[in-house]
Protein backbone atom coordinates (compact mmCIF):
# COMPACT_ATOMS: atom_id res chain seq x y z
CA MET A 1 -45.51 -71.99 8.24
CA LYS A 2 -46.14 -73.84 4.93
CA ILE A 3 -45.21 -71.78 1.79
CA PRO A 4 -47.93 -72.06 -0.91
CA PHE A 5 -45.19 -71.65 -3.74
CA LYS A 6 -42.53 -73.89 -2.16
CA GLY A 7 -40.18 -75.29 -4.72
CA LYS A 8 -40.41 -72.24 -7.00
CA SER A 9 -37.26 -70.26 -7.93
CA ILE A 10 -36.36 -66.97 -6.15
CA ARG A 11 -36.86 -65.01 -9.37
CA TRP A 12 -40.44 -66.56 -9.64
CA ARG A 13 -41.26 -65.64 -6.04
CA ILE A 14 -40.06 -62.11 -6.35
CA MET A 15 -41.90 -61.54 -9.66
CA PHE A 16 -45.08 -63.12 -8.25
CA CYS A 17 -45.07 -60.76 -5.21
CA VAL A 18 -44.36 -57.64 -7.37
CA ILE A 19 -46.87 -58.46 -9.96
CA SER A 20 -49.59 -59.25 -7.45
CA ALA A 21 -49.02 -56.05 -5.58
CA VAL A 22 -48.93 -54.01 -8.74
CA PHE A 23 -52.22 -55.64 -9.96
CA PHE A 24 -54.13 -55.14 -6.73
CA MET A 25 -52.88 -51.58 -6.44
CA THR A 26 -53.79 -50.75 -10.02
CA LEU A 27 -57.18 -52.27 -9.68
CA TYR A 28 -57.98 -50.42 -6.44
CA LEU A 29 -56.81 -47.10 -8.03
CA LEU A 30 -58.94 -47.60 -11.04
CA VAL A 31 -62.01 -48.31 -8.85
CA ILE A 32 -61.15 -45.24 -6.71
CA ILE A 33 -60.78 -42.93 -9.73
CA PHE A 34 -63.94 -44.09 -11.26
CA LEU A 35 -66.02 -43.52 -8.21
CA ASN A 36 -64.35 -40.12 -7.56
CA GLN A 37 -65.01 -39.05 -11.15
CA ARG A 38 -68.65 -40.02 -10.77
CA MET A 39 -69.00 -37.94 -7.60
CA ILE A 40 -67.17 -34.86 -8.99
CA GLY A 41 -69.25 -35.01 -12.16
CA ARG A 42 -72.56 -35.05 -10.25
CA LEU A 43 -71.32 -32.19 -7.93
CA GLY A 44 -70.50 -30.16 -11.00
CA GLU A 45 -73.86 -30.90 -12.66
CA SER A 46 -75.61 -29.81 -9.56
CA TYR A 47 -74.51 -26.08 -9.88
CA GLN A 48 -74.47 -25.98 -13.70
CA THR A 49 -78.05 -24.95 -13.81
CA ASN A 50 -77.50 -21.94 -11.71
CA THR A 51 -74.68 -20.92 -13.91
CA GLN A 52 -76.66 -21.20 -17.04
CA LEU A 53 -79.56 -19.18 -15.50
CA THR A 54 -77.23 -16.45 -14.55
CA GLU A 55 -75.85 -16.38 -18.03
CA ILE A 56 -79.47 -16.19 -19.48
CA SER A 57 -80.31 -13.30 -17.14
CA THR A 58 -77.08 -11.41 -18.31
CA GLN A 59 -77.89 -11.90 -22.08
CA LEU A 60 -81.52 -10.70 -21.60
CA GLY A 61 -80.24 -7.51 -19.66
CA ASN A 62 -77.80 -6.86 -22.63
CA MET A 63 -80.61 -7.32 -25.07
CA GLU A 64 -82.83 -4.86 -23.32
CA LYS A 65 -80.15 -2.18 -23.04
CA SER A 66 -79.53 -2.65 -26.81
CA LEU A 67 -83.27 -2.18 -27.53
CA GLU A 68 -83.45 0.88 -25.30
CA ASN A 69 -80.41 2.45 -27.18
CA TYR A 70 -82.03 1.77 -30.60
CA ILE A 71 -85.39 3.38 -29.52
CA ALA A 72 -83.54 6.42 -28.27
CA TYR A 73 -80.93 6.78 -30.94
CA ARG A 74 -81.74 4.44 -33.92
CA THR A 75 -78.12 3.35 -34.36
CA PHE A 76 -77.03 0.43 -36.41
CA GLU A 77 -74.73 -0.91 -33.62
CA SER A 78 -77.60 -0.96 -31.07
CA ILE A 79 -80.04 -2.94 -33.38
CA ASP A 80 -77.05 -5.35 -34.22
CA SER A 81 -76.39 -5.90 -30.57
CA PHE A 82 -80.06 -6.43 -29.96
CA TYR A 83 -80.26 -9.32 -32.33
CA HIS A 84 -76.89 -10.71 -31.28
CA PHE A 85 -77.89 -10.98 -27.52
CA GLN A 86 -81.27 -12.45 -28.53
CA ALA A 87 -79.65 -15.18 -30.47
CA ALA A 88 -77.34 -15.88 -27.58
CA SER A 89 -80.13 -16.17 -25.02
CA GLU A 90 -82.17 -18.45 -27.35
CA GLU A 91 -79.11 -20.97 -27.37
CA LEU A 92 -79.17 -20.98 -23.57
CA ILE A 93 -82.97 -21.77 -23.09
CA TYR A 94 -83.11 -24.94 -25.21
CA TRP A 95 -83.21 -27.14 -22.21
CA PHE A 96 -86.27 -25.42 -20.70
CA PRO A 97 -89.54 -27.61 -20.90
CA GLU A 98 -92.08 -26.84 -23.71
CA TYR A 99 -95.01 -27.93 -21.65
CA PRO A 100 -96.43 -27.11 -18.21
CA SER A 101 -95.40 -29.58 -15.33
CA THR A 102 -96.49 -30.55 -11.74
CA ASP A 103 -92.86 -30.18 -10.66
CA LYS A 104 -92.06 -26.76 -9.22
CA VAL A 105 -88.80 -26.36 -10.91
CA LEU A 106 -89.91 -27.53 -14.27
CA GLN A 107 -93.06 -25.39 -14.06
CA LYS A 108 -91.04 -22.41 -13.22
CA GLU A 109 -88.75 -23.02 -16.14
CA TYR A 110 -91.75 -23.30 -18.42
CA VAL A 111 -93.02 -19.85 -17.16
CA VAL A 112 -89.60 -18.30 -17.66
CA LYS A 113 -89.34 -19.68 -21.23
CA GLN A 114 -92.83 -18.38 -22.06
CA LEU A 115 -91.89 -14.81 -20.68
CA ILE A 116 -88.70 -14.82 -22.70
CA MET A 117 -90.63 -15.62 -25.82
CA THR A 118 -93.06 -12.86 -25.13
CA LEU A 119 -90.17 -10.46 -24.40
CA TYR A 120 -88.75 -11.38 -27.89
CA SER A 121 -92.19 -10.59 -29.54
CA PHE A 122 -92.56 -7.08 -27.97
CA GLY A 123 -88.93 -6.41 -28.72
CA LYS A 124 -89.38 -7.38 -32.34
CA TYR A 125 -92.56 -5.09 -32.48
CA ALA A 126 -90.80 -2.25 -31.08
CA VAL A 127 -88.06 -2.45 -33.62
CA VAL A 128 -90.47 -2.88 -36.59
CA ALA A 129 -92.44 0.21 -35.45
CA GLN A 130 -89.22 2.23 -34.94
CA ARG A 131 -87.99 1.37 -38.39
CA ALA A 132 -91.55 2.47 -39.88
CA ASN A 133 -91.26 5.79 -37.82
CA ASN A 134 -94.30 4.69 -35.80
CA GLU A 135 -93.24 6.53 -32.66
CA TYR A 136 -96.48 5.69 -30.74
CA LYS A 137 -96.58 1.94 -31.37
CA ALA A 138 -92.70 1.69 -30.89
CA GLN A 139 -93.04 3.47 -27.55
CA ASP A 140 -96.05 1.24 -26.48
CA SER A 141 -94.24 -2.13 -27.57
CA TYR A 142 -91.11 -0.94 -25.62
CA LYS A 143 -93.09 -0.21 -22.43
CA LYS A 144 -94.68 -3.60 -22.63
CA CYS A 145 -91.25 -5.07 -23.23
CA LEU A 146 -90.11 -3.43 -19.99
CA VAL A 147 -92.91 -4.75 -17.98
CA CYS A 148 -92.35 -8.32 -19.40
CA TYR A 149 -88.55 -7.84 -18.58
CA ASP A 150 -89.40 -6.92 -14.96
CA MET A 151 -91.69 -9.92 -14.60
CA LEU A 152 -89.05 -12.06 -16.23
CA GLN A 153 -86.35 -10.96 -13.72
CA SER A 154 -88.55 -11.76 -10.84
CA GLN A 155 -89.39 -15.22 -12.19
CA ILE A 156 -85.75 -15.81 -13.05
CA GLU A 157 -84.82 -15.08 -9.39
CA GLU A 158 -87.57 -17.43 -8.05
CA LEU A 159 -86.24 -20.07 -10.33
CA ASN A 160 -82.80 -19.45 -9.23
CA ILE A 161 -83.83 -19.96 -5.67
CA LEU A 162 -85.61 -23.21 -6.49
CA LEU A 163 -82.57 -24.45 -8.32
CA MET A 164 -80.22 -23.53 -5.36
CA ARG A 165 -82.43 -25.39 -3.01
CA ARG A 166 -82.53 -28.52 -5.24
CA ASN A 167 -78.81 -28.35 -5.88
CA ALA A 168 -78.17 -28.05 -2.11
CA ASP A 169 -80.02 -31.11 -1.60
CA VAL A 170 -78.10 -33.02 -4.31
CA TYR A 171 -74.87 -31.69 -2.82
CA SER A 172 -75.68 -32.88 0.64
CA GLU A 173 -76.56 -36.26 -0.81
CA ASN A 174 -73.31 -36.57 -2.86
CA ARG A 175 -71.20 -35.28 0.07
CA GLY A 176 -72.62 -38.10 2.21
CA ARG A 177 -71.74 -40.61 -0.53
CA LEU A 178 -68.20 -39.16 -0.86
CA LEU A 179 -67.66 -39.52 2.97
CA ILE A 180 -68.74 -43.06 2.71
CA LEU A 181 -66.41 -43.67 -0.25
CA THR A 182 -63.56 -42.07 1.64
CA GLN A 183 -64.11 -44.33 4.67
CA LEU A 184 -64.38 -47.41 2.35
CA SER A 185 -61.15 -46.34 0.61
CA CYS A 186 -59.22 -46.11 3.96
CA ALA A 187 -60.58 -49.57 4.87
CA MET A 188 -59.51 -51.04 1.55
CA ILE A 189 -56.10 -49.40 1.85
CA PHE A 190 -55.63 -51.11 5.24
CA VAL A 191 -56.80 -54.56 4.01
CA PHE A 192 -54.64 -54.30 0.98
CA PHE A 193 -51.61 -53.29 2.99
CA ILE A 194 -52.13 -56.24 5.34
CA LEU A 195 -52.46 -58.62 2.41
CA VAL A 196 -49.37 -57.43 0.65
CA LEU A 197 -47.42 -57.40 3.94
CA ILE A 198 -48.29 -61.14 4.61
CA LEU A 199 -47.45 -62.01 1.09
CA VAL A 200 -44.00 -60.19 1.11
CA TYR A 201 -43.31 -61.65 4.52
CA MET A 202 -43.93 -65.21 3.43
CA SER A 203 -41.71 -64.83 0.35
CA VAL A 204 -38.88 -62.92 2.03
CA THR A 205 -38.83 -65.41 4.88
CA ALA A 206 -38.49 -68.29 2.40
CA ILE A 207 -35.62 -66.59 0.75
CA THR A 208 -33.72 -65.00 3.70
CA LYS A 209 -33.91 -67.81 6.26
CA PRO A 210 -31.55 -70.14 4.44
CA LEU A 211 -29.25 -67.22 3.50
CA SER A 212 -28.99 -66.20 7.06
CA GLU A 213 -28.01 -69.80 8.06
CA LEU A 214 -25.58 -69.81 5.21
CA SER A 215 -24.06 -66.52 6.26
CA SER A 216 -23.59 -67.80 9.83
CA VAL A 217 -21.82 -70.78 8.64
CA ALA A 218 -19.60 -68.72 6.24
CA LEU A 219 -18.62 -66.50 9.09
CA ARG A 220 -17.43 -69.44 11.19
CA ILE A 221 -15.43 -70.77 8.24
CA ALA A 222 -13.92 -67.30 7.85
CA GLN A 223 -12.78 -67.53 11.44
CA LYS A 224 -11.05 -70.82 10.63
CA ASP A 225 -13.64 -72.96 12.20
CA PHE A 226 -14.13 -75.80 9.82
CA GLU A 227 -16.16 -78.06 12.11
CA VAL A 228 -19.49 -76.59 10.83
CA PRO A 229 -22.72 -78.76 10.32
CA LEU A 230 -23.71 -79.56 6.69
CA PHE A 231 -26.95 -78.25 5.39
CA ASN A 232 -28.10 -81.35 3.51
CA ASN A 233 -30.70 -79.21 1.64
CA ASN A 234 -32.49 -81.06 -1.15
CA ASP A 235 -34.53 -78.05 -2.27
CA SER A 236 -34.57 -77.58 -6.14
CA THR A 237 -34.31 -73.71 -5.89
CA GLU A 238 -31.21 -71.66 -6.14
CA ILE A 239 -30.84 -71.58 -2.29
CA GLY A 240 -30.69 -75.50 -2.26
CA THR A 241 -28.10 -75.46 -5.06
CA ILE A 242 -25.96 -72.97 -3.02
CA CYS A 243 -26.35 -74.96 0.18
CA ARG A 244 -25.36 -78.12 -1.62
CA ALA A 245 -22.31 -76.40 -3.17
CA PHE A 246 -21.36 -75.00 0.12
CA ASP A 247 -21.41 -78.44 1.63
CA ARG A 248 -19.10 -79.73 -1.07
CA MET A 249 -16.68 -76.76 -0.52
CA THR A 250 -16.67 -77.40 3.26
CA ILE A 251 -15.89 -81.02 2.67
CA SER A 252 -13.06 -80.06 0.17
CA ILE A 253 -11.55 -77.57 2.63
CA ARG A 254 -11.46 -80.17 5.50
CA ASP A 255 -9.77 -82.68 3.10
CA TYR A 256 -7.06 -80.38 1.53
CA ILE A 257 -6.35 -77.68 4.12
CA ASP A 258 -3.25 -79.44 5.25
CA GLN A 259 -1.98 -79.94 1.75
CA ILE A 260 -2.67 -76.40 0.90
CA TRP A 261 -0.53 -75.00 3.77
CA GLU A 262 2.32 -77.36 2.91
CA LYS A 263 2.21 -76.47 -0.80
CA ALA A 264 2.19 -72.68 -0.01
CA ALA A 265 5.29 -73.11 2.27
CA LYS A 266 7.12 -74.97 -0.67
CA GLU A 267 6.05 -72.32 -3.17
CA THR A 268 7.27 -69.46 -0.92
CA GLU A 269 10.61 -71.17 -0.47
CA LEU A 270 11.01 -71.73 -4.28
CA ARG A 271 9.95 -68.13 -4.99
CA GLU A 272 12.53 -66.73 -2.72
CA LYS A 273 15.30 -68.73 -4.27
CA GLU A 274 14.17 -67.94 -7.69
CA MET A 275 14.16 -64.11 -7.00
CA GLU A 276 17.64 -64.34 -5.55
CA ALA A 277 18.86 -66.33 -8.63
CA ARG A 278 17.13 -63.77 -11.04
CA GLU A 279 19.03 -60.85 -9.18
CA LEU A 280 22.35 -62.47 -9.38
CA TYR A 281 21.83 -63.39 -13.15
CA ALA A 282 20.57 -59.94 -14.05
CA ALA A 283 23.58 -58.31 -12.37
CA ALA A 284 26.07 -60.64 -14.04
CA GLN A 285 24.46 -60.15 -17.44
CA LEU A 286 24.34 -56.45 -17.16
CA ARG A 287 28.06 -56.36 -16.23
CA ALA A 288 28.90 -58.71 -19.14
CA LEU A 289 26.95 -56.73 -21.66
CA GLN A 290 28.69 -53.47 -20.62
CA ASN A 291 32.10 -54.94 -20.97
CA GLN A 292 31.56 -56.16 -24.58
CA ILE A 293 31.89 -52.65 -26.02
CA ASN A 294 35.26 -51.75 -24.89
CA PRO A 295 37.55 -53.85 -27.14
CA HIS A 296 35.77 -52.74 -30.29
CA PHE A 297 36.30 -49.03 -29.80
CA LEU A 298 39.79 -49.43 -28.44
CA PHE A 299 41.08 -50.71 -31.69
CA ASN A 300 39.73 -47.81 -33.85
CA THR A 301 40.89 -45.24 -31.28
CA LEU A 302 44.46 -46.60 -31.01
CA ASN A 303 44.76 -46.54 -34.87
CA THR A 304 43.68 -42.99 -35.11
CA GLY A 305 46.08 -41.80 -32.40
CA ALA A 306 48.98 -43.59 -34.13
CA GLN A 307 48.05 -41.98 -37.41
CA LEU A 308 47.81 -38.53 -35.87
CA ALA A 309 51.14 -38.91 -34.03
CA MET A 310 52.84 -39.62 -37.38
CA ILE A 311 51.47 -36.60 -39.38
CA GLU A 312 51.24 -33.79 -36.77
CA GLY A 313 53.08 -32.16 -33.94
CA ALA A 314 53.28 -33.44 -30.37
CA ASP A 315 50.93 -30.75 -28.87
CA LYS A 316 48.02 -31.68 -30.79
CA THR A 317 48.85 -35.37 -30.41
CA CYS A 318 49.21 -34.81 -26.65
CA TYR A 319 45.71 -33.18 -26.36
CA PHE A 320 44.20 -35.91 -28.54
CA MET A 321 45.74 -38.62 -26.25
CA GLU A 322 44.30 -36.83 -23.19
CA GLN A 323 40.90 -36.89 -24.68
CA VAL A 324 41.29 -40.64 -25.34
CA ALA A 325 42.57 -41.12 -21.79
CA ASP A 326 39.48 -39.41 -20.50
CA PHE A 327 37.27 -41.53 -22.61
CA PHE A 328 38.77 -44.79 -21.27
CA ARG A 329 38.93 -43.44 -17.75
CA TYR A 330 35.18 -42.95 -17.83
CA ASN A 331 34.60 -46.38 -19.24
CA ILE A 332 36.59 -48.26 -16.61
CA SER A 333 35.33 -46.14 -13.76
CA GLN A 334 34.48 -48.03 -10.53
CA LYS A 335 31.57 -45.80 -9.62
CA GLY A 336 29.09 -48.25 -10.58
CA GLN A 337 27.19 -49.42 -13.71
CA ALA A 338 24.93 -46.27 -13.94
CA ALA A 339 25.71 -42.59 -14.89
CA THR A 340 23.51 -39.39 -15.23
CA ILE A 341 22.70 -37.90 -18.59
CA ASP A 342 25.13 -35.12 -18.00
CA GLU A 343 27.88 -37.53 -17.47
CA GLU A 344 27.08 -39.36 -20.58
CA LEU A 345 26.92 -36.04 -22.51
CA ALA A 346 30.42 -35.06 -21.22
CA LEU A 347 31.76 -38.44 -22.54
CA ILE A 348 30.15 -37.63 -25.98
CA ASP A 349 32.02 -34.33 -26.10
CA ASN A 350 35.26 -36.28 -25.75
CA PHE A 351 34.25 -38.82 -28.35
CA VAL A 352 32.99 -36.21 -30.88
CA TYR A 353 36.48 -34.44 -30.60
CA ILE A 354 38.19 -37.69 -31.43
CA MET A 355 35.82 -38.22 -34.40
CA LYS A 356 36.35 -34.78 -35.67
CA VAL A 357 40.19 -35.20 -35.61
CA ARG A 358 39.60 -38.45 -37.47
CA PHE A 359 37.11 -37.28 -40.14
CA GLY A 360 37.87 -33.65 -40.37
CA GLU A 361 35.46 -31.46 -42.30
CA ARG A 362 33.57 -34.67 -43.38
CA PHE A 363 32.10 -34.72 -39.92
CA GLU A 364 29.54 -32.27 -38.51
CA PHE A 365 27.98 -32.62 -34.92
CA VAL A 366 24.92 -30.68 -33.72
CA LYS A 367 24.14 -30.68 -29.82
CA ASN A 368 20.66 -29.42 -28.71
CA VAL A 369 20.87 -29.48 -25.05
CA SER A 370 19.63 -26.88 -22.43
CA ASN A 371 21.88 -25.57 -19.78
CA GLU A 372 19.76 -27.06 -16.92
CA LYS A 373 20.93 -30.18 -14.97
CA HIS A 374 19.95 -33.56 -16.28
CA LEU A 375 20.40 -35.98 -13.42
CA GLN A 376 18.34 -38.85 -14.73
CA ARG A 377 20.40 -42.06 -14.46
CA LEU A 378 20.91 -44.67 -17.21
CA PRO A 379 23.48 -47.45 -17.77
CA ARG A 380 27.00 -46.19 -18.69
CA MET A 381 28.27 -46.07 -22.30
CA ILE A 382 24.79 -45.88 -23.83
CA LEU A 383 24.87 -42.72 -25.99
CA GLN A 384 28.40 -43.23 -27.37
CA PRO A 385 27.60 -46.44 -29.33
CA LEU A 386 24.63 -44.69 -30.80
CA VAL A 387 26.62 -41.75 -32.04
CA GLU A 388 29.29 -44.08 -33.30
CA ASN A 389 26.63 -45.95 -35.18
CA CYS A 390 25.28 -42.75 -36.73
CA ILE A 391 28.94 -41.67 -37.71
CA LYS A 392 29.56 -45.11 -39.44
CA HIS A 393 26.26 -45.29 -41.33
CA GLY A 394 25.35 -41.60 -41.66
CA TYR A 395 27.66 -40.78 -44.57
CA ASN A 396 25.58 -39.92 -47.55
CA GLY A 397 28.41 -38.99 -50.01
CA THR A 398 29.16 -35.48 -48.97
CA LYS A 399 29.19 -34.96 -45.14
CA ILE A 400 28.39 -36.87 -42.00
CA ARG A 401 26.01 -35.00 -39.92
CA VAL A 402 24.87 -36.19 -36.41
CA GLU A 403 22.46 -34.45 -34.18
CA LEU A 404 21.94 -35.10 -30.38
CA SER A 405 18.86 -33.66 -28.54
CA VAL A 406 17.66 -33.83 -24.88
CA GLU A 407 14.02 -32.91 -24.38
CA PRO A 408 12.78 -32.96 -20.82
CA GLU A 409 9.02 -33.76 -20.25
CA LEU A 410 6.79 -34.30 -17.20
CA TYR A 411 7.30 -38.04 -16.59
CA MET A 412 10.33 -38.78 -18.79
CA THR A 413 13.28 -37.24 -20.70
CA LYS A 414 13.65 -37.95 -24.39
CA VAL A 415 17.19 -38.33 -25.74
CA SER A 416 17.54 -38.56 -29.53
CA VAL A 417 20.56 -39.29 -31.81
CA SER A 418 19.96 -38.84 -35.46
CA ASP A 419 22.08 -38.89 -38.70
CA ASN A 420 21.60 -37.89 -42.33
CA GLY A 421 22.27 -41.31 -43.81
CA SER A 422 20.24 -43.48 -45.94
CA GLY A 423 18.03 -44.87 -43.18
CA PHE A 424 17.68 -48.00 -41.25
CA ASP A 425 17.16 -51.48 -42.72
CA PRO A 426 13.39 -52.19 -41.98
CA GLU A 427 13.91 -55.92 -41.41
CA LEU A 428 16.84 -55.40 -39.09
CA LYS A 429 14.80 -52.59 -37.16
CA LYS A 430 11.84 -55.01 -36.78
CA THR A 431 14.23 -57.78 -35.51
CA LEU A 432 15.96 -55.55 -33.06
CA LEU A 433 12.84 -54.04 -31.63
CA SER A 434 11.12 -57.45 -31.45
CA LEU A 435 13.52 -58.90 -28.91
CA ASN A 436 11.41 -60.43 -26.12
CA PRO A 437 8.26 -58.90 -27.77
CA GLU A 438 5.93 -60.49 -25.10
CA VAL A 439 8.14 -59.79 -22.02
CA LYS A 440 7.62 -56.27 -20.60
CA ASP A 441 9.79 -57.05 -17.50
CA VAL A 442 13.12 -58.08 -18.99
CA GLU A 443 14.11 -59.85 -15.75
CA LYS A 444 11.70 -62.53 -16.81
CA ALA A 445 13.58 -63.46 -19.97
CA ASP A 446 14.55 -67.03 -20.08
CA SER A 447 17.71 -68.48 -21.57
CA GLY A 448 16.17 -69.35 -24.81
CA GLN A 449 15.26 -65.71 -25.44
CA LEU A 450 18.78 -64.62 -24.56
CA ASP A 451 20.13 -67.04 -27.12
CA SER A 452 17.94 -65.46 -29.70
CA GLU A 453 19.35 -62.03 -28.74
CA LYS A 454 22.85 -63.32 -29.27
CA GLN A 455 21.94 -64.46 -32.80
CA VAL A 456 20.32 -61.09 -33.66
CA SER A 457 23.44 -59.31 -32.20
CA LYS A 458 25.60 -61.27 -34.86
CA SER A 459 23.25 -60.31 -37.63
CA ALA A 460 23.38 -56.69 -36.69
CA GLU A 461 27.17 -56.29 -36.55
CA GLY A 462 27.05 -54.77 -39.99
CA ASN A 463 24.84 -51.96 -39.04
CA GLY A 464 26.69 -50.38 -36.07
CA THR A 465 28.52 -51.44 -32.86
CA GLY A 466 26.53 -52.65 -29.81
CA LEU A 467 22.82 -51.82 -30.84
CA VAL A 468 21.69 -55.22 -29.31
CA ASN A 469 24.15 -54.45 -26.35
CA VAL A 470 22.53 -51.03 -25.85
CA ILE A 471 18.92 -52.22 -26.20
CA SER A 472 19.48 -55.15 -23.76
CA ARG A 473 21.16 -53.07 -21.13
CA LEU A 474 18.45 -50.32 -21.24
CA ARG A 475 15.74 -52.93 -20.91
CA LEU A 476 17.56 -54.76 -18.10
CA TYR A 477 18.20 -51.51 -16.22
CA PHE A 478 14.77 -49.91 -16.54
CA HIS A 479 12.71 -53.17 -16.61
CA ARG A 480 10.70 -51.51 -19.51
CA TYR A 481 10.22 -52.57 -23.17
CA ASP A 482 9.44 -49.16 -24.69
CA VAL A 483 12.58 -47.42 -23.36
CA PHE A 484 14.35 -47.56 -26.69
CA ASP A 485 12.98 -46.95 -30.35
CA ILE A 486 14.32 -46.53 -33.93
CA LEU A 487 12.60 -44.03 -36.12
CA GLU A 488 12.95 -42.36 -39.46
CA ASN A 489 14.58 -38.94 -39.23
CA GLU A 490 12.41 -36.08 -40.83
CA GLY A 491 15.30 -34.92 -43.18
CA GLY A 492 16.27 -38.40 -44.01
CA GLY A 493 18.42 -40.86 -42.18
CA THR A 494 17.91 -42.63 -38.77
CA LYS A 495 16.89 -41.52 -35.28
CA PHE A 496 17.56 -43.41 -32.15
CA LEU A 497 15.14 -42.40 -29.45
CA LEU A 498 15.58 -43.09 -25.64
CA ARG A 499 12.77 -42.56 -23.17
CA ILE A 500 14.43 -42.11 -19.72
CA PRO A 501 11.93 -42.02 -16.70
CA ASN A 502 12.24 -39.02 -14.51
CA VAL A 503 12.92 -41.01 -11.28
């Protein structure tokens, strides 16, 4: 089948079908509405005369009753009603003919109008005579008015019958036309439906046939059957462009399928080796970072123990040395590289005792920890370097105050260590927290980034022991960048915040 709009784009074809259907449908609806309105108008007009004639009869009856009341009682309300109903009936007979006619309906309307005018005259005579207290003339005019009213009612009834007959003929005629219009509308709807169906079928066939062929070929390729025929479609539409692109894709798949499989195998092998190397490197780095902290603290602890042994008795020195032994026993424990928060808190208790012996009344430690279990795991020796840093840099001239808090939340547990010192150097803080700023997964850090961490570690030695060590181990352990933060304490000083996931 030859398509009349072959070569046009799919958008043009769809819009053509839609606009054509809407145009013909709108035109057809406008014609049907116009014809129906004409039929309905003519049917309504056919019975309007009967309605008006009934209204005239009602107004004349009300006028006659008002005149009767006035003759009997001479009240103001009755004479006012008489003139009101007279004026109302005059407005309704304006369409009655002024001259006789050979048409039965028009002649009857002329007679009715003349009788109404005579009724008005006798009514006015009766009112004038009653006002002049001429009882005889008033009664005489009223009797003539009644006779005229009876004749008028008879003529109105005959006119109503004539109008009903004429309106029935008009109704029958319009009903026949409406039936013809209905039949014509059904025929037009059928013809319109067939035309639209043909138009849509032609357009949809032109669009879907190539797409169906394309779908069939794509299914074969999905089933790893690459020996499919090429389309060789030279059409300028979107379908032709897709077919040509699909041909090129098929040829490319045939040419490079072997190379793709070979490359994928090599990449898989390299990825496995790389992952194995990263795991070994991360484990070695974690172990090396943790071991860096021991010598620094050992020197200060032994000096303090020696001084205490010289100036105090053996009992207190013995207890002190036991606390030191517990501290180092925890540090060299072979249970692994991780510990729970409760185990780290127990170590802090030992460390705080040692520091209180060293600093005496100059050191105050506040611990805000609930009695519940805190079994979340983190690298060993994380909290002790933070407390030591706060003790070293928290002195404000009067007393060193260190506060440790544990706040459990829904998805994480916040552990904070704060001091009352002069605060943290903003530049150093920025440098520490910007280590590997674009690497959320610390395992992906390369050797250049690790070298930069070593340089920062050297520059941070004056602001506490092992901050870079702590940050690096936390990020290596949790594979997260936001696990550690440095904040300003509300009462002055520095706060170290750890966000430990509840896993």
